[in-house]
Amino acid sequence: MECGKVVVTRLRSTEYYKGEPLNHIVDSHYHLLNNFIEKYDTWPHSFDTYNCSLPSREKKRTNVRDLNILKESDVLIIPSEAEFAYNIYGRIQNLLMGRSWGNVEYMREILRDNPKPRKVILFTSDKADTIELYRDKVFKDVPNLTFYQIDESEFPGGVHHLKYINIKKQNLDTTKKTDFGYWGTSKKFKIDSTSEMRDYHVKDYYKDGKIVKYGTAGCELKTRFIEPLYVGKESKDERHLILKEIYKDESISNNLIGYFDGFQYTHKFDKNMTNILPHLSECKFTLCFNWPGQEEHLTSRYNEALGCDIIPLVWQNYDCNNQLVLDDRQRMFSFEDIKKCLTSTSESVRLQWLNSIQEKYLSVTKPIEYYEESFNQKLMKILND
C-alpha cells in the first residue's frame, strides 16, 4: 500500500482517551491503537484521529471534528461497540439517536463528496457489529470502501484481558456482600437484513436556512434527513428473561447495573468502569451470555468478573470450546440452576472454585506485550494488503 493517512475515528459520541484505563468501554482497543501509532510514528503512513482523541494524537474540542482529516483519509479505523443498537428503530433514546446519526451523516457527506479508494478497519467488541452492517447500512451510499475486521475474540482469552490486568491494579476491596451482579444491557432485539424498515427523522437545528451546531434563540429544529432503520427482531437471547427472574427473587441479593427490558436497574450504568467497580467487587457471581449462534466466543464480562474476584457463571454453551471455562459446573441451563448455585455455595467452596477458575484463566491469557505485538501484526497486515 502506498503512503497514506490512517484515521482512527468514532462514529457516534466523541471520546477523549487519555491513557487512563477503565474509563471507556473499549479502552483495550484505544490502548492497542495508541501503542501502534507510537511505535510506527515514523512509518511512511501518517496517523490522525477524528471525533476521538488519543495521547499520541491529542485533540481539543475545537479540532476533534475537523472534517478535512476525513477528506484526506486513506484508511479509517473504527473502534466499534453496540453499533447495531443505533440501527434498530426505537432502541436508543431519541435525543442521543438524533445527535449520533447527525454525526454519522457529516462523515458520510465528506466521504461521498471526496470519493477515493479507502480501507475501513473495524475493531469490534460485539458480534452484532459486522462488516455487513457497516457496508450495507451505515456506509451504504459511500463508494470505494473496502472493509476489514479485527475482533476482540482473535486474542487468547479475548482482547479485554487488558481490562482484567487494569482492574487488578485497582486493589479493590472484594469483600463479598451481594450474591449476584450484572452490568450491561439486554440483547432482546437484533437487526436482520430481512427486517421491515421504518423511517427515522434525524433532526438538527437550523438558522437562516443553515445547520448550526447548537440550538440558540431564533433556531428551528427540523428534519435534516431520513434514515431508514430496522424494526428489531426477537434475538432469542434469553438474558432479559433470566435477569428478570433473578431481579424478582427476594432470596437473591443483586446489583444490576445498566439498561434492561422488563425491570429497573439497581445502579445506573457508567462507561467509566471505575465508578461501578465498588458495586461489582462486592458480588459473588455473575452470568456471561453470548448472542445465539456465537457460543464459541468470549465477552469482556468474563475478564472483568475475574478482575473483581467474581465467579463468571456462563449461560448454556457460552465458550463451548472451553477456552476459559473450567468445566461444566460453571454452565447454567435454567434459572433453577442459577438459584441453586447462588444460594447453596458456601464462601469457602466459592473461594476454592474461584481459585481454580483463575488458574485456568491465567494459563491461557498472556502478558500485555503479547496483545500489543499481536495487534500490531494484524493491523500491519491489513494496511499492507
Protein backbone atom coordinates (compact mmCIF):
# COMPACT_ATOMS: atom_id res chain seq x y z
CA MET A 1 0.00 0.00 0.00
CA GLU A 2 1.24 3.47 -0.85
CA CYS A 3 1.79 6.07 1.83
CA GLY A 4 -1.47 7.44 3.11
CA LYS A 5 -3.35 8.88 6.03
CA VAL A 6 -4.69 6.47 8.64
CA VAL A 7 -7.51 7.98 10.73
CA VAL A 8 -8.89 6.49 13.96
CA THR A 9 -12.49 7.61 14.27
CA ARG A 10 -15.58 7.25 16.39
CA LEU A 11 -18.94 7.30 14.62
CA ARG A 12 -21.23 8.32 17.44
CA SER A 13 -20.20 10.11 20.62
CA THR A 14 -16.84 11.87 20.88
CA GLU A 15 -14.31 10.18 23.17
CA TYR A 16 -11.10 11.54 24.67
CA TYR A 17 -8.87 8.63 25.64
CA LYS A 18 -6.07 9.94 27.86
CA GLY A 19 -4.34 6.64 28.56
CA GLU A 20 -6.26 6.13 31.80
CA PRO A 21 -7.56 2.55 32.00
CA LEU A 22 -11.21 1.56 32.50
CA ASN A 23 -12.65 4.96 31.53
CA HIS A 24 -14.14 3.71 28.25
CA ILE A 25 -15.98 0.56 27.21
CA VAL A 26 -13.34 -0.20 24.57
CA ASP A 27 -10.27 1.25 26.27
CA SER A 28 -8.47 -2.02 25.44
CA HIS A 29 -8.85 -1.04 21.78
CA TYR A 30 -7.66 2.51 22.42
CA HIS A 31 -4.58 1.27 24.26
CA LEU A 32 -3.57 -1.01 21.41
CA LEU A 33 -4.26 1.62 18.75
CA ASN A 34 -2.28 4.25 20.62
CA ASN A 35 0.60 1.83 21.13
CA PHE A 36 0.61 1.07 17.39
CA ILE A 37 0.71 4.76 16.45
CA GLU A 38 3.52 5.48 18.90
CA LYS A 39 5.56 2.53 17.66
CA TYR A 40 5.15 3.35 13.97
CA ASP A 41 5.10 7.13 14.23
CA THR A 42 7.94 7.43 11.69
CA TRP A 43 6.42 4.86 9.35
CA PRO A 44 5.54 6.08 5.81
CA HIS A 45 1.87 6.31 6.83
CA SER A 46 0.63 9.32 8.79
CA PHE A 47 -1.84 8.98 11.65
CA ASP A 48 -4.63 11.18 12.92
CA THR A 49 -7.97 11.00 14.71
CA TYR A 50 -11.49 12.25 14.03
CA ASN A 51 -14.21 12.51 16.69
CA CYS A 52 -11.84 10.99 19.23
CA SER A 53 -8.51 11.71 20.86
CA LEU A 54 -5.55 9.51 21.78
CA PRO A 55 -2.49 10.52 23.83
CA SER A 56 -0.36 10.22 20.70
CA ARG A 57 -2.78 12.44 18.76
CA GLU A 58 -4.31 14.68 21.39
CA LYS A 59 -7.25 16.81 20.30
CA LYS A 60 -9.28 19.62 21.81
CA ARG A 61 -12.95 20.31 21.31
CA THR A 62 -12.10 22.92 18.70
CA ASN A 63 -10.38 20.46 16.35
CA VAL A 64 -11.65 17.00 17.31
CA ARG A 65 -14.11 17.06 14.37
CA ASP A 66 -12.01 18.63 11.65
CA LEU A 67 -13.67 17.27 8.51
CA ASN A 68 -10.52 17.91 6.48
CA ILE A 69 -8.97 14.96 8.31
CA LEU A 70 -11.65 12.67 6.87
CA LYS A 71 -11.31 14.28 3.46
CA GLU A 72 -7.62 13.35 3.35
CA SER A 73 -8.05 9.86 4.84
CA ASP A 74 -6.99 6.68 3.04
CA VAL A 75 -7.79 4.34 5.92
CA LEU A 76 -10.46 4.61 8.62
CA ILE A 77 -10.10 2.57 11.81
CA ILE A 78 -13.34 2.37 13.80
CA PRO A 79 -13.32 1.03 17.40
CA SER A 80 -16.86 -0.35 17.45
CA GLU A 81 -19.20 -1.44 20.20
CA ALA A 82 -23.02 -1.63 20.07
CA GLU A 83 -23.31 -0.04 16.62
CA PHE A 84 -26.14 -2.48 15.95
CA ALA A 85 -28.32 -0.77 18.57
CA TYR A 86 -28.27 2.52 16.65
CA ASN A 87 -29.72 0.71 13.64
CA ILE A 88 -32.79 -0.61 15.48
CA TYR A 89 -35.79 1.71 15.46
CA GLY A 90 -36.67 2.90 18.97
CA ARG A 91 -33.79 1.12 20.70
CA ILE A 92 -31.82 4.26 21.64
CA GLN A 93 -33.20 7.34 23.39
CA ASN A 94 -34.40 9.92 20.83
CA LEU A 95 -32.01 12.79 21.59
CA LEU A 96 -28.94 10.54 21.55
CA MET A 97 -30.17 8.80 18.40
CA GLY A 98 -30.65 12.06 16.52
CA ARG A 99 -27.32 13.56 17.52
CA SER A 100 -25.38 10.41 16.72
CA TRP A 101 -26.92 9.92 13.28
CA GLY A 102 -26.23 13.58 12.60
CA ASN A 103 -22.55 12.93 13.36
CA VAL A 104 -22.55 9.93 11.03
CA GLU A 105 -24.09 11.99 8.23
CA TYR A 106 -21.32 14.61 8.49
CA MET A 107 -18.85 11.78 7.88
CA ARG A 108 -20.81 10.25 5.03
CA GLU A 109 -21.17 13.60 3.29
CA ILE A 110 -17.45 14.32 3.32
CA LEU A 111 -16.61 10.79 2.14
CA ARG A 112 -19.23 10.92 -0.63
CA ASP A 113 -18.04 14.34 -1.78
CA ASN A 114 -14.40 13.22 -1.81
CA PRO A 115 -14.53 9.69 -3.22
CA LYS A 116 -11.39 7.57 -3.48
CA PRO A 117 -10.43 4.01 -2.56
CA ARG A 118 -10.41 3.73 1.24
CA LYS A 119 -9.96 0.90 3.68
CA VAL A 120 -12.32 0.69 6.67
CA ILE A 121 -10.96 -1.43 9.52
CA LEU A 122 -13.47 -2.35 12.23
CA PHE A 123 -12.01 -3.15 15.65
CA THR A 124 -15.07 -4.83 17.14
CA SER A 125 -16.30 -5.66 20.62
CA ASP A 126 -19.77 -7.01 19.81
CA LYS A 127 -20.63 -9.88 17.49
CA ALA A 128 -23.59 -7.93 16.07
CA ASP A 129 -21.25 -5.19 14.77
CA THR A 130 -20.45 -6.89 11.48
CA ILE A 131 -18.83 -5.86 8.22
CA GLU A 132 -22.23 -6.37 6.59
CA LEU A 133 -23.86 -3.86 8.94
CA TYR A 134 -21.28 -1.19 8.17
CA ARG A 135 -21.09 -1.93 4.45
CA ASP A 136 -24.79 -2.36 3.69
CA LYS A 137 -26.29 0.08 6.19
CA VAL A 138 -24.01 2.59 7.90
CA PHE A 139 -21.94 3.46 4.80
CA LYS A 140 -24.36 2.13 2.19
CA ASP A 141 -24.08 5.14 -0.13
CA VAL A 142 -20.33 5.78 0.23
CA PRO A 143 -18.37 4.44 -2.77
CA ASN A 144 -14.97 2.74 -2.97
CA LEU A 145 -14.79 1.35 0.58
CA THR A 146 -13.12 -1.99 1.34
CA PHE A 147 -13.89 -3.45 4.77
CA TYR A 148 -11.72 -5.44 7.19
CA GLN A 149 -12.25 -6.56 10.78
CA ILE A 150 -10.19 -7.30 13.88
CA ASP A 151 -12.38 -8.79 16.59
CA GLU A 152 -11.92 -8.99 20.35
CA SER A 153 -12.08 -12.80 20.19
CA GLU A 154 -8.97 -13.11 17.98
CA PHE A 155 -6.70 -12.85 21.05
CA PRO A 156 -6.05 -15.50 23.75
CA GLY A 157 -8.73 -15.07 26.41
CA GLY A 158 -10.12 -12.08 24.48
CA VAL A 159 -8.56 -8.67 23.96
CA HIS A 160 -10.25 -7.44 27.14
CA HIS A 161 -7.77 -9.38 29.22
CA LEU A 162 -6.32 -5.87 29.31
CA LYS A 163 -9.31 -4.91 31.47
CA TYR A 164 -8.53 -7.78 33.83
CA ILE A 165 -4.96 -6.50 34.17
CA ASN A 166 -6.11 -2.96 34.87
CA ILE A 167 -8.84 -3.96 37.32
CA LYS A 168 -6.33 -5.98 39.35
CA LYS A 169 -4.18 -2.85 39.59
CA GLN A 170 -7.05 -1.08 41.38
CA ASN A 171 -6.51 -3.16 44.57
CA LEU A 172 -10.26 -3.37 45.11
CA ASP A 173 -11.94 -4.36 48.33
CA THR A 174 -13.52 -7.64 47.19
CA THR A 175 -15.30 -8.44 50.45
CA LYS A 176 -18.49 -10.13 49.28
CA LYS A 177 -21.88 -8.76 50.38
CA THR A 178 -24.09 -9.44 47.36
CA ASP A 179 -25.00 -12.72 45.67
CA PHE A 180 -25.18 -11.65 42.05
CA GLY A 181 -24.00 -8.81 39.85
CA TYR A 182 -24.60 -7.94 36.20
CA TRP A 183 -23.50 -4.91 34.20
CA GLY A 184 -24.51 -4.11 30.66
CA THR A 185 -27.80 -4.29 28.83
CA SER A 186 -30.39 -6.68 27.45
CA LYS A 187 -29.97 -8.09 23.94
CA LYS A 188 -33.65 -8.82 23.40
CA PHE A 189 -33.70 -7.42 19.86
CA LYS A 190 -31.34 -7.81 16.93
CA ILE A 191 -31.11 -6.41 13.44
CA ASP A 192 -31.78 -8.56 10.42
CA SER A 193 -31.34 -7.53 6.79
CA THR A 194 -34.74 -9.09 6.06
CA SER A 195 -36.47 -6.98 8.73
CA GLU A 196 -39.04 -4.33 7.95
CA MET A 197 -37.56 -0.83 7.69
CA ARG A 198 -39.02 2.27 9.33
CA ASP A 199 -38.10 5.86 8.53
CA TYR A 200 -36.38 7.75 11.33
CA HIS A 201 -36.40 11.55 11.02
CA VAL A 202 -32.97 12.84 12.06
CA LYS A 203 -33.42 16.42 13.19
CA ASP A 204 -30.99 19.30 13.52
CA TYR A 205 -31.03 23.00 14.40
CA TYR A 206 -31.30 25.48 11.54
CA LYS A 207 -30.87 29.23 11.46
CA ASP A 208 -31.26 31.31 8.32
CA GLY A 209 -31.52 28.09 6.34
CA LYS A 210 -28.19 26.70 7.57
CA ILE A 211 -27.37 23.99 10.11
CA VAL A 212 -25.94 25.31 13.37
CA LYS A 213 -24.19 23.15 15.95
CA TYR A 214 -26.25 24.20 18.94
CA GLY A 215 -29.80 25.40 19.37
CA THR A 216 -29.95 29.12 20.22
CA ALA A 217 -32.55 31.85 20.05
CA GLY A 218 -34.06 32.04 16.59
CA CYS A 219 -33.16 28.45 15.67
CA GLU A 220 -35.62 25.93 14.34
CA LEU A 221 -35.40 22.19 14.97
CA LYS A 222 -36.42 20.36 11.82
CA THR A 223 -35.73 17.19 9.85
CA ARG A 224 -32.27 17.15 8.30
CA PHE A 225 -32.58 13.77 6.58
CA ILE A 226 -34.47 10.49 6.89
CA GLU A 227 -32.55 7.38 7.96
CA PRO A 228 -34.32 4.03 7.38
CA LEU A 229 -33.80 1.82 10.44
CA TYR A 230 -34.58 -1.83 11.04
CA VAL A 231 -37.55 -2.90 13.12
CA GLY A 232 -35.86 -5.08 15.72
CA LYS A 233 -36.43 -8.82 15.61
CA GLU A 234 -36.54 -11.03 18.67
CA SER A 235 -32.96 -12.26 19.09
CA LYS A 236 -33.87 -15.36 21.12
CA ASP A 237 -31.23 -14.20 23.58
CA GLU A 238 -32.62 -15.17 26.97
CA ARG A 239 -30.69 -12.87 29.26
CA HIS A 240 -33.56 -10.41 29.73
CA LEU A 241 -35.76 -13.28 30.97
CA ILE A 242 -33.13 -14.82 33.26
CA LEU A 243 -32.06 -11.47 34.72
CA LYS A 244 -35.68 -10.58 35.40
CA GLU A 245 -36.11 -13.84 37.34
CA ILE A 246 -33.03 -13.03 39.41
CA TYR A 247 -34.29 -9.48 39.99
CA LYS A 248 -37.69 -10.74 41.20
CA ASP A 249 -36.35 -13.42 43.56
CA GLU A 250 -36.16 -11.97 47.06
CA SER A 251 -33.77 -14.69 48.21
CA ILE A 252 -31.06 -13.41 45.85
CA SER A 253 -29.38 -10.10 46.58
CA ASN A 254 -28.24 -8.38 43.42
CA ASN A 255 -26.55 -5.39 41.81
CA LEU A 256 -27.99 -4.99 38.30
CA ILE A 257 -26.21 -2.16 36.54
CA GLY A 258 -27.33 -1.00 33.10
CA TYR A 259 -30.47 -0.90 30.97
CA PHE A 260 -32.86 -3.83 30.92
CA ASP A 261 -36.14 -4.99 29.43
CA GLY A 262 -38.92 -5.55 31.95
CA PHE A 263 -37.37 -4.22 35.17
CA GLN A 264 -35.46 -1.27 36.63
CA TYR A 265 -31.72 -1.31 37.22
CA THR A 266 -30.40 -1.13 40.80
CA HIS A 267 -27.49 1.13 39.78
CA LYS A 268 -27.08 3.35 36.73
CA PHE A 269 -24.54 2.22 34.15
CA ASP A 270 -21.40 4.30 33.65
CA LYS A 271 -18.93 3.95 30.75
CA ASN A 272 -16.22 4.87 33.25
CA MET A 273 -15.91 1.49 34.88
CA THR A 274 -14.06 2.82 37.92
CA ASN A 275 -17.39 4.34 39.03
CA ILE A 276 -19.19 0.99 39.12
CA LEU A 277 -16.34 -1.24 40.32
CA PRO A 278 -17.27 -0.77 44.01
CA HIS A 279 -20.73 -2.23 43.24
CA LEU A 280 -19.25 -5.08 41.22
CA SER A 281 -16.46 -6.08 43.58
CA GLU A 282 -18.92 -6.88 46.38
CA CYS A 283 -20.71 -9.52 44.23
CA LYS A 284 -20.03 -13.25 44.41
CA PHE A 285 -21.28 -14.40 41.00
CA THR A 286 -22.22 -13.09 37.57
CA LEU A 287 -23.53 -14.73 34.40
CA CYS A 288 -21.98 -14.47 30.92
CA PHE A 289 -24.17 -14.70 27.83
CA ASN A 290 -23.48 -14.65 24.12
CA TRP A 291 -25.65 -13.96 21.09
CA PRO A 292 -27.38 -17.15 19.88
CA GLY A 293 -25.15 -18.75 17.27
CA GLN A 294 -21.99 -17.18 18.72
CA GLU A 295 -21.43 -19.68 21.52
CA GLU A 296 -17.74 -20.30 20.80
CA HIS A 297 -16.84 -16.70 21.59
CA LEU A 298 -15.98 -14.84 24.79
CA THR A 299 -17.15 -11.48 26.11
CA SER A 300 -15.42 -8.86 28.24
CA ARG A 301 -17.66 -9.65 31.23
CA TYR A 302 -15.69 -12.83 31.86
CA ASN A 303 -12.42 -10.88 32.10
CA GLU A 304 -13.96 -8.09 34.15
CA ALA A 305 -15.61 -10.54 36.55
CA LEU A 306 -12.38 -12.36 37.37
CA GLY A 307 -10.68 -8.99 37.83
CA CYS A 308 -13.20 -8.37 40.63
CA ASP A 309 -12.91 -11.91 42.09
CA ILE A 310 -16.42 -12.68 40.84
CA ILE A 311 -17.11 -16.21 39.61
CA PRO A 312 -18.28 -15.96 35.99
CA LEU A 313 -21.05 -18.49 35.53
CA VAL A 314 -21.89 -18.98 31.85
CA TRP A 315 -25.21 -19.48 30.08
CA GLN A 316 -25.51 -22.86 28.41
CA ASN A 317 -22.94 -23.21 25.59
CA TYR A 318 -21.05 -19.94 26.07
CA ASP A 319 -17.36 -20.60 25.28
CA CYS A 320 -18.39 -24.06 24.05
CA ASN A 321 -14.76 -24.96 23.35
CA ASN A 322 -13.81 -24.27 26.98
CA GLN A 323 -11.09 -21.78 26.14
CA LEU A 324 -11.61 -20.20 29.58
CA VAL A 325 -14.48 -22.12 31.18
CA LEU A 326 -13.05 -24.60 33.69
CA ASP A 327 -15.74 -27.29 33.48
CA ASP A 328 -19.49 -27.85 33.19
CA ARG A 329 -20.01 -26.81 36.79
CA GLN A 330 -19.87 -23.22 35.54
CA ARG A 331 -22.62 -23.82 32.98
CA MET A 332 -26.17 -22.80 33.85
CA PHE A 333 -29.13 -24.10 31.85
CA SER A 334 -32.06 -22.65 33.79
CA PHE A 335 -32.96 -20.12 36.46
CA GLU A 336 -33.25 -23.01 38.89
CA ASP A 337 -29.60 -23.94 38.23
CA ILE A 338 -28.56 -20.37 38.95
CA LYS A 339 -30.59 -20.08 42.14
CA LYS A 340 -29.25 -23.36 43.50
CA CYS A 341 -25.67 -22.29 42.79
CA LEU A 342 -26.10 -18.84 44.35
CA THR A 343 -27.92 -19.98 47.47
CA SER A 344 -26.13 -23.23 48.29
CA THR A 345 -22.45 -22.47 47.61
CA SER A 346 -20.61 -21.66 50.83
CA GLU A 347 -18.00 -18.91 50.75
CA SER A 348 -15.14 -21.35 51.42
CA VAL A 349 -16.23 -23.55 48.50
CA ARG A 350 -16.74 -20.47 46.30
CA LEU A 351 -13.20 -19.26 47.00
CA GLN A 352 -11.70 -22.67 46.14
CA TRP A 353 -13.73 -22.72 42.94
CA LEU A 354 -12.72 -19.16 42.09
CA ASN A 355 -9.04 -20.05 42.58
CA SER A 356 -9.32 -22.97 40.13
CA ILE A 357 -11.10 -20.81 37.53
CA GLN A 358 -8.44 -18.10 37.94
CA GLU A 359 -5.64 -20.65 37.48
CA LYS A 360 -7.06 -21.80 34.15
CA TYR A 361 -7.63 -18.19 33.07
CA LEU A 362 -4.02 -17.23 33.78
CA SER A 363 -2.75 -20.32 31.95
CA VAL A 364 -4.50 -19.15 28.75
CA THR A 365 -4.02 -15.38 28.80
CA LYS A 366 -0.75 -13.58 28.07
CA PRO A 367 1.25 -10.54 29.22
CA ILE A 368 0.11 -7.20 27.82
CA GLU A 369 3.12 -7.06 25.47
CA TYR A 370 1.78 -10.13 23.67
CA TYR A 371 -1.52 -8.41 22.89
CA GLU A 372 0.28 -5.28 21.70
CA GLU A 373 2.52 -7.21 19.31
CA SER A 374 -0.30 -9.45 18.09
CA PHE A 375 -2.48 -6.44 17.33
CA ASN A 376 0.40 -4.66 15.59
CA GLN A 377 0.89 -7.63 13.29
CA LYS A 378 -2.81 -7.92 12.47
CA LEU A 379 -3.19 -4.24 11.70
CA MET A 380 0.07 -4.05 9.73
CA LYS A 381 -1.02 -6.96 7.58
CA ILE A 382 -4.27 -5.19 6.65
CA LEU A 383 -2.57 -1.87 5.98
CA ASN A 384 -0.05 -3.56 3.68
CA ASP A 385 -2.64 -5.65 1.89
